[in-house]
Amino acid sequence: MTHPLFRLTLALPLLLAACGTPQERCIGTATRDLRTLNGLIEETQANLSRGFAYEEYTVTRSRWVQCRSAPIRDSNGNLRPGPTYMCLDDYTDTVRRPVSIDLAEERRKLDGMLEKKRELNRVAAAQIESCKAQFPE
């Protein structure tokens, strides 16, 4: 049987996704690409000002943790927790390292994204007006 709190925890993301008025959700959808592009523009500008970029990659590491053996039965036939021992547990870690970039190429990329941003601003403005007309508040 599933605990009611567990079911509530699973439903929480769905409830939060339903937050916001229909107009806000419509505007959020209309501006999603623009927000993504803005983040990429900020990252590219930071790369240019630093003179290098960061690359993220994942590594698997091991750490010592306390493990428990299988339960054992005592002389009365009752199950008791098994003894503990130290064992290695693997986990994934994200690491960031600096990498060199072609500054001229990075500038060209930024120019292209800024041009695309102007285009997306025009499209988003029209979609936002449509959202406001479709879902007045």
N, C-alpha and C. Protein backbone atom coordinates (compact mmCIF):
# COMPACT_ATOMS: atom_id res chain seq x y z
N MET A 1 0.85 -1.19 0.00
CA MET A 1 0.00 0.00 0.00
C MET A 1 0.89 1.25 0.00
N THR A 2 0.52 2.22 -0.79
CA THR A 2 1.30 3.44 -0.91
C THR A 2 0.86 4.43 0.16
N HIS A 3 1.82 5.04 0.79
CA HIS A 3 1.54 6.03 1.82
C HIS A 3 0.93 7.27 1.16
N PRO A 4 -0.11 7.88 1.77
CA PRO A 4 -0.74 9.06 1.16
C PRO A 4 0.23 10.21 0.93
N LEU A 5 1.19 10.40 1.83
CA LEU A 5 2.15 11.47 1.66
C LEU A 5 3.01 11.24 0.42
N PHE A 6 3.33 9.97 0.14
CA PHE A 6 4.10 9.64 -1.06
C PHE A 6 3.32 10.00 -2.30
N ARG A 7 2.02 9.70 -2.31
CA ARG A 7 1.18 10.05 -3.46
C ARG A 7 1.09 11.56 -3.64
N LEU A 8 1.01 12.29 -2.54
CA LEU A 8 0.97 13.75 -2.61
C LEU A 8 2.28 14.28 -3.18
N THR A 9 3.38 13.69 -2.77
CA THR A 9 4.69 14.11 -3.28
C THR A 9 4.78 13.89 -4.78
N LEU A 10 4.24 12.78 -5.26
CA LEU A 10 4.25 12.52 -6.70
C LEU A 10 3.35 13.49 -7.45
N ALA A 11 2.26 13.91 -6.83
CA ALA A 11 1.31 14.80 -7.50
C ALA A 11 1.75 16.26 -7.45
N LEU A 12 2.68 16.60 -6.56
CA LEU A 12 3.08 17.99 -6.38
C LEU A 12 3.57 18.65 -7.67
N PRO A 13 4.45 18.01 -8.47
CA PRO A 13 4.86 18.66 -9.71
C PRO A 13 3.69 18.96 -10.65
N LEU A 14 2.71 18.08 -10.69
CA LEU A 14 1.54 18.32 -11.54
C LEU A 14 0.73 19.50 -11.03
N LEU A 15 0.62 19.60 -9.71
CA LEU A 15 -0.12 20.72 -9.14
C LEU A 15 0.60 22.03 -9.40
N LEU A 16 1.93 22.03 -9.28
CA LEU A 16 2.68 23.25 -9.52
C LEU A 16 2.64 23.65 -10.99
N ALA A 17 2.62 22.67 -11.88
CA ALA A 17 2.55 22.97 -13.31
C ALA A 17 1.22 23.64 -13.66
N ALA A 18 0.21 23.34 -12.88
CA ALA A 18 -1.10 23.93 -13.14
C ALA A 18 -1.22 25.33 -12.55
N CYS A 19 -0.20 25.77 -11.81
CA CYS A 19 -0.23 27.12 -11.22
C CYS A 19 -0.13 28.17 -12.33
N GLY A 20 -0.60 29.34 -12.00
CA GLY A 20 -0.56 30.42 -12.98
C GLY A 20 -1.88 30.48 -13.73
N THR A 21 -2.21 31.67 -14.13
CA THR A 21 -3.45 31.85 -14.88
C THR A 21 -3.25 31.33 -16.30
N PRO A 22 -4.34 31.09 -17.01
CA PRO A 22 -4.19 30.66 -18.40
C PRO A 22 -3.38 31.66 -19.23
N GLN A 23 -3.55 32.95 -18.94
CA GLN A 23 -2.77 33.96 -19.67
C GLN A 23 -1.28 33.82 -19.37
N GLU A 24 -0.94 33.61 -18.09
CA GLU A 24 0.47 33.45 -17.73
C GLU A 24 1.08 32.21 -18.37
N ARG A 25 0.32 31.13 -18.41
CA ARG A 25 0.83 29.91 -19.05
C ARG A 25 1.00 30.12 -20.54
N CYS A 26 0.08 30.83 -21.16
CA CYS A 26 0.17 31.10 -22.59
C CYS A 26 1.39 31.97 -22.89
N ILE A 27 1.59 33.02 -22.09
CA ILE A 27 2.75 33.90 -22.28
C ILE A 27 4.04 33.14 -22.02
N GLY A 28 4.04 32.28 -21.02
CA GLY A 28 5.22 31.47 -20.73
C GLY A 28 5.60 30.58 -21.90
N THR A 29 4.60 29.99 -22.53
CA THR A 29 4.85 29.15 -23.70
C THR A 29 5.35 30.00 -24.87
N ALA A 30 4.76 31.18 -25.03
CA ALA A 30 5.13 32.06 -26.15
C ALA A 30 6.55 32.59 -26.03
N THR A 31 7.06 32.69 -24.80
CA THR A 31 8.38 33.28 -24.61
C THR A 31 9.45 32.26 -24.22
N ARG A 32 9.12 30.98 -24.27
CA ARG A 32 10.08 29.94 -23.85
C ARG A 32 11.38 29.99 -24.66
N ASP A 33 11.28 30.04 -25.98
CA ASP A 33 12.48 30.07 -26.82
C ASP A 33 13.30 31.34 -26.57
N LEU A 34 12.62 32.44 -26.35
CA LEU A 34 13.31 33.70 -26.09
C LEU A 34 14.10 33.63 -24.77
N ARG A 35 13.50 33.04 -23.74
CA ARG A 35 14.20 32.89 -22.46
C ARG A 35 15.42 31.98 -22.61
N THR A 36 15.28 30.91 -23.37
CA THR A 36 16.41 30.01 -23.62
C THR A 36 17.52 30.76 -24.34
N LEU A 37 17.16 31.49 -25.37
CA LEU A 37 18.15 32.23 -26.14
C LEU A 37 18.84 33.29 -25.27
N ASN A 38 18.10 33.95 -24.39
CA ASN A 38 18.69 34.94 -23.49
C ASN A 38 19.75 34.30 -22.59
N GLY A 39 19.49 33.10 -22.11
CA GLY A 39 20.47 32.41 -21.29
C GLY A 39 21.73 32.08 -22.08
N LEU A 40 21.55 31.66 -23.33
CA LEU A 40 22.72 31.36 -24.18
C LEU A 40 23.52 32.62 -24.51
N ILE A 41 22.81 33.72 -24.71
CA ILE A 41 23.49 35.00 -24.98
C ILE A 41 24.32 35.40 -23.76
N GLU A 42 23.75 35.29 -22.57
CA GLU A 42 24.50 35.63 -21.35
C GLU A 42 25.74 34.76 -21.20
N GLU A 43 25.59 33.47 -21.48
CA GLU A 43 26.73 32.56 -21.38
C GLU A 43 27.82 32.93 -22.38
N THR A 44 27.43 33.25 -23.60
CA THR A 44 28.40 33.62 -24.63
C THR A 44 29.10 34.93 -24.29
N GLN A 45 28.35 35.90 -23.77
CA GLN A 45 28.96 37.16 -23.36
C GLN A 45 29.96 36.93 -22.22
N ALA A 46 29.61 36.06 -21.28
CA ALA A 46 30.54 35.75 -20.19
C ALA A 46 31.79 35.06 -20.73
N ASN A 47 31.63 34.16 -21.69
CA ASN A 47 32.78 33.50 -22.30
C ASN A 47 33.71 34.52 -22.94
N LEU A 48 33.13 35.48 -23.67
CA LEU A 48 33.94 36.50 -24.33
C LEU A 48 34.67 37.38 -23.31
N SER A 49 33.99 37.74 -22.23
CA SER A 49 34.64 38.60 -21.25
C SER A 49 35.74 37.84 -20.49
N ARG A 50 35.56 36.54 -20.27
CA ARG A 50 36.59 35.74 -19.60
C ARG A 50 37.72 35.36 -20.55
N GLY A 51 37.37 35.14 -21.82
CA GLY A 51 38.36 34.67 -22.80
C GLY A 51 38.41 33.16 -22.90
N PHE A 52 37.56 32.46 -22.19
CA PHE A 52 37.46 31.00 -22.26
C PHE A 52 36.07 30.59 -21.83
N ALA A 53 35.73 29.34 -22.12
CA ALA A 53 34.42 28.80 -21.75
C ALA A 53 34.62 27.74 -20.68
N TYR A 54 33.52 27.28 -20.14
CA TYR A 54 33.54 26.14 -19.23
C TYR A 54 32.85 24.97 -19.90
N GLU A 55 33.38 23.80 -19.67
CA GLU A 55 32.79 22.57 -20.19
C GLU A 55 32.42 21.72 -18.98
N GLU A 56 31.21 21.19 -18.99
CA GLU A 56 30.78 20.31 -17.91
C GLU A 56 30.80 18.88 -18.40
N TYR A 57 31.24 17.99 -17.55
CA TYR A 57 31.25 16.57 -17.86
C TYR A 57 30.98 15.80 -16.57
N THR A 58 30.59 14.56 -16.71
CA THR A 58 30.28 13.76 -15.53
C THR A 58 31.36 12.71 -15.32
N VAL A 59 31.61 12.45 -14.07
CA VAL A 59 32.55 11.40 -13.69
C VAL A 59 31.88 10.51 -12.66
N THR A 60 32.27 9.26 -12.66
CA THR A 60 31.77 8.34 -11.65
C THR A 60 32.85 8.22 -10.58
N ARG A 61 32.44 8.41 -9.36
CA ARG A 61 33.36 8.34 -8.23
C ARG A 61 32.85 7.27 -7.26
N SER A 62 33.70 6.85 -6.38
CA SER A 62 33.32 5.89 -5.34
C SER A 62 33.56 6.49 -3.98
N ARG A 63 32.71 6.13 -3.04
CA ARG A 63 32.90 6.58 -1.66
C ARG A 63 32.56 5.43 -0.72
N TRP A 64 33.17 5.44 0.43
CA TRP A 64 32.90 4.42 1.43
C TRP A 64 31.62 4.79 2.18
N VAL A 65 30.72 3.82 2.27
CA VAL A 65 29.48 4.01 3.01
C VAL A 65 29.26 2.79 3.90
N GLN A 66 28.36 2.95 4.84
CA GLN A 66 28.04 1.83 5.72
C GLN A 66 26.94 1.00 5.08
N CYS A 67 27.18 -0.28 4.91
CA CYS A 67 26.21 -1.20 4.32
C CYS A 67 25.75 -2.18 5.39
N ARG A 68 24.66 -2.85 5.11
CA ARG A 68 24.12 -3.82 6.06
C ARG A 68 23.92 -5.15 5.35
N SER A 69 24.30 -6.21 6.03
CA SER A 69 24.10 -7.56 5.51
C SER A 69 22.61 -7.89 5.52
N ALA A 70 22.28 -9.01 4.90
CA ALA A 70 20.89 -9.48 4.88
C ALA A 70 20.44 -9.78 6.32
N PRO A 71 19.15 -9.65 6.59
CA PRO A 71 18.66 -9.94 7.94
C PRO A 71 18.98 -11.40 8.32
N ILE A 72 19.14 -11.62 9.61
CA ILE A 72 19.40 -12.98 10.10
C ILE A 72 18.37 -13.32 11.16
N ARG A 73 18.15 -14.59 11.34
CA ARG A 73 17.19 -15.05 12.36
C ARG A 73 17.93 -15.34 13.65
N ASP A 74 17.33 -14.89 14.75
CA ASP A 74 17.94 -15.21 16.04
C ASP A 74 17.47 -16.59 16.50
N SER A 75 17.85 -16.97 17.71
CA SER A 75 17.51 -18.32 18.20
C SER A 75 16.02 -18.52 18.39
N ASN A 76 15.26 -17.43 18.48
CA ASN A 76 13.80 -17.52 18.62
C ASN A 76 13.08 -17.50 17.27
N GLY A 77 13.83 -17.38 16.19
CA GLY A 77 13.25 -17.36 14.86
C GLY A 77 12.86 -15.97 14.38
N ASN A 78 13.17 -14.96 15.16
CA ASN A 78 12.84 -13.58 14.78
C ASN A 78 13.92 -13.03 13.87
N LEU A 79 13.49 -12.24 12.89
CA LEU A 79 14.44 -11.59 12.00
C LEU A 79 15.07 -10.39 12.69
N ARG A 80 16.37 -10.29 12.61
CA ARG A 80 17.13 -9.18 13.16
C ARG A 80 17.95 -8.57 12.03
N PRO A 81 18.22 -7.27 12.12
CA PRO A 81 19.07 -6.65 11.10
C PRO A 81 20.43 -7.34 11.07
N GLY A 82 20.96 -7.49 9.87
CA GLY A 82 22.29 -8.08 9.72
C GLY A 82 23.36 -7.12 10.17
N PRO A 83 24.57 -7.60 10.31
CA PRO A 83 25.67 -6.72 10.74
C PRO A 83 26.00 -5.69 9.66
N THR A 84 26.60 -4.59 10.10
CA THR A 84 27.01 -3.56 9.15
C THR A 84 28.48 -3.74 8.80
N TYR A 85 28.83 -3.22 7.63
CA TYR A 85 30.22 -3.25 7.17
C TYR A 85 30.40 -2.09 6.21
N MET A 86 31.63 -1.75 5.92
CA MET A 86 31.92 -0.66 5.00
C MET A 86 32.00 -1.22 3.58
N CYS A 87 31.38 -0.49 2.64
CA CYS A 87 31.44 -0.90 1.23
C CYS A 87 31.54 0.35 0.36
N LEU A 88 31.96 0.15 -0.88
CA LEU A 88 32.08 1.26 -1.82
C LEU A 88 30.76 1.47 -2.54
N ASP A 89 30.37 2.74 -2.66
CA ASP A 89 29.15 3.11 -3.36
C ASP A 89 29.53 4.09 -4.47
N ASP A 90 29.12 3.80 -5.69
CA ASP A 90 29.41 4.69 -6.81
C ASP A 90 28.38 5.81 -6.89
N TYR A 91 28.84 6.98 -7.29
CA TYR A 91 27.94 8.11 -7.52
C TYR A 91 28.48 8.92 -8.69
N THR A 92 27.60 9.69 -9.29
CA THR A 92 27.97 10.51 -10.44
C THR A 92 28.13 11.95 -9.98
N ASP A 93 29.20 12.57 -10.44
CA ASP A 93 29.49 13.95 -10.08
C ASP A 93 29.67 14.75 -11.36
N THR A 94 29.19 15.98 -11.39
CA THR A 94 29.39 16.86 -12.53
C THR A 94 30.56 17.79 -12.23
N VAL A 95 31.50 17.82 -13.16
CA VAL A 95 32.72 18.61 -12.99
C VAL A 95 32.78 19.64 -14.11
N ARG A 96 33.31 20.81 -13.77
CA ARG A 96 33.44 21.89 -14.75
C ARG A 96 34.92 22.22 -14.92
N ARG A 97 35.32 22.33 -16.18
CA ARG A 97 36.72 22.68 -16.45
C ARG A 97 36.76 23.77 -17.52
N PRO A 98 37.78 24.64 -17.46
CA PRO A 98 37.90 25.69 -18.48
C PRO A 98 38.40 25.09 -19.80
N VAL A 99 37.89 25.62 -20.90
CA VAL A 99 38.35 25.20 -22.22
C VAL A 99 38.58 26.45 -23.07
N SER A 100 39.53 26.34 -23.97
CA SER A 100 39.82 27.48 -24.83
C SER A 100 38.73 27.62 -25.89
N ILE A 101 38.54 28.84 -26.37
CA ILE A 101 37.54 29.10 -27.40
C ILE A 101 38.16 29.99 -28.47
N ASP A 102 37.56 29.96 -29.64
CA ASP A 102 37.94 30.87 -30.73
C ASP A 102 37.11 32.13 -30.52
N LEU A 103 37.76 33.20 -30.07
CA LEU A 103 37.03 34.42 -29.73
C LEU A 103 36.28 35.01 -30.92
N ALA A 104 36.87 34.93 -32.11
CA ALA A 104 36.20 35.46 -33.30
C ALA A 104 34.93 34.66 -33.59
N GLU A 105 35.02 33.35 -33.47
CA GLU A 105 33.85 32.50 -33.70
C GLU A 105 32.78 32.77 -32.63
N GLU A 106 33.22 32.97 -31.42
CA GLU A 106 32.29 33.26 -30.32
C GLU A 106 31.56 34.59 -30.58
N ARG A 107 32.27 35.58 -31.09
CA ARG A 107 31.64 36.87 -31.43
C ARG A 107 30.61 36.69 -32.56
N ARG A 108 30.99 35.90 -33.58
CA ARG A 108 30.04 35.64 -34.68
C ARG A 108 28.80 34.92 -34.15
N LYS A 109 29.02 33.98 -33.26
CA LYS A 109 27.89 33.25 -32.67
C LYS A 109 26.99 34.21 -31.90
N LEU A 110 27.60 35.11 -31.12
CA LEU A 110 26.83 36.10 -30.36
C LEU A 110 26.05 37.01 -31.29
N ASP A 111 26.69 37.48 -32.37
CA ASP A 111 25.98 38.34 -33.33
C ASP A 111 24.77 37.63 -33.92
N GLY A 112 24.94 36.36 -34.25
CA GLY A 112 23.82 35.58 -34.80
C GLY A 112 22.69 35.42 -33.78
N MET A 113 23.05 35.19 -32.52
CA MET A 113 22.02 35.04 -31.49
C MET A 113 21.31 36.36 -31.22
N LEU A 114 22.04 37.47 -31.26
CA LEU A 114 21.40 38.78 -31.05
C LEU A 114 20.42 39.09 -32.18
N GLU A 115 20.78 38.72 -33.41
CA GLU A 115 19.86 38.89 -34.54
C GLU A 115 18.61 38.03 -34.35
N LYS A 116 18.82 36.79 -33.94
CA LYS A 116 17.70 35.88 -33.70
C LYS A 116 16.83 36.39 -32.56
N LYS A 117 17.45 37.00 -31.55
CA LYS A 117 16.69 37.55 -30.43
C LYS A 117 15.75 38.65 -30.91
N ARG A 118 16.22 39.53 -31.80
CA ARG A 118 15.35 40.59 -32.33
C ARG A 118 14.14 39.96 -33.04
N GLU A 119 14.39 38.93 -33.80
CA GLU A 119 13.29 38.23 -34.51
C GLU A 119 12.33 37.59 -33.51
N LEU A 120 12.87 36.90 -32.51
CA LEU A 120 12.00 36.24 -31.52
C LEU A 120 11.24 37.26 -30.68
N ASN A 121 11.81 38.43 -30.43
CA ASN A 121 11.10 39.48 -29.71
C ASN A 121 9.85 39.91 -30.48
N ARG A 122 10.00 40.07 -31.80
CA ARG A 122 8.85 40.47 -32.63
C ARG A 122 7.76 39.38 -32.59
N VAL A 123 8.17 38.13 -32.74
CA VAL A 123 7.21 37.01 -32.74
C VAL A 123 6.55 36.91 -31.37
N ALA A 124 7.35 37.00 -30.31
CA ALA A 124 6.81 36.86 -28.95
C ALA A 124 5.84 38.00 -28.63
N ALA A 125 6.15 39.21 -29.08
CA ALA A 125 5.25 40.34 -28.80
C ALA A 125 3.88 40.10 -29.40
N ALA A 126 3.85 39.57 -30.63
CA ALA A 126 2.56 39.26 -31.27
C ALA A 126 1.84 38.15 -30.52
N GLN A 127 2.59 37.13 -30.10
CA GLN A 127 1.97 36.02 -29.37
C GLN A 127 1.47 36.47 -28.00
N ILE A 128 2.18 37.36 -27.35
CA ILE A 128 1.75 37.86 -26.05
C ILE A 128 0.44 38.64 -26.20
N GLU A 129 0.34 39.46 -27.23
CA GLU A 129 -0.91 40.19 -27.48
C GLU A 129 -2.05 39.21 -27.73
N SER A 130 -1.76 38.15 -28.47
CA SER A 130 -2.77 37.12 -28.73
C SER A 130 -3.19 36.44 -27.42
N CYS A 131 -2.23 36.15 -26.54
CA CYS A 131 -2.54 35.53 -25.24
C CYS A 131 -3.42 36.45 -24.40
N LYS A 132 -3.11 37.75 -24.41
CA LYS A 132 -3.89 38.72 -23.64
C LYS A 132 -5.31 38.83 -24.17
N ALA A 133 -5.45 38.75 -25.50
CA ALA A 133 -6.79 38.81 -26.09
C ALA A 133 -7.57 37.53 -25.82
N GLN A 134 -6.86 36.40 -25.89
CA GLN A 134 -7.52 35.10 -25.71
C GLN A 134 -7.86 34.84 -24.25
N PHE A 135 -7.01 35.30 -23.32
CA PHE A 135 -7.21 35.06 -21.89
C PHE A 135 -7.12 36.37 -21.12
N PRO A 136 -8.13 37.24 -21.23
CA PRO A 136 -8.07 38.52 -20.51
C PRO A 136 -8.15 38.28 -19.00
N GLU A 137 -7.48 39.16 -18.26
CA GLU A 137 -7.52 39.02 -16.79
C GLU A 137 -8.32 40.12 -16.16
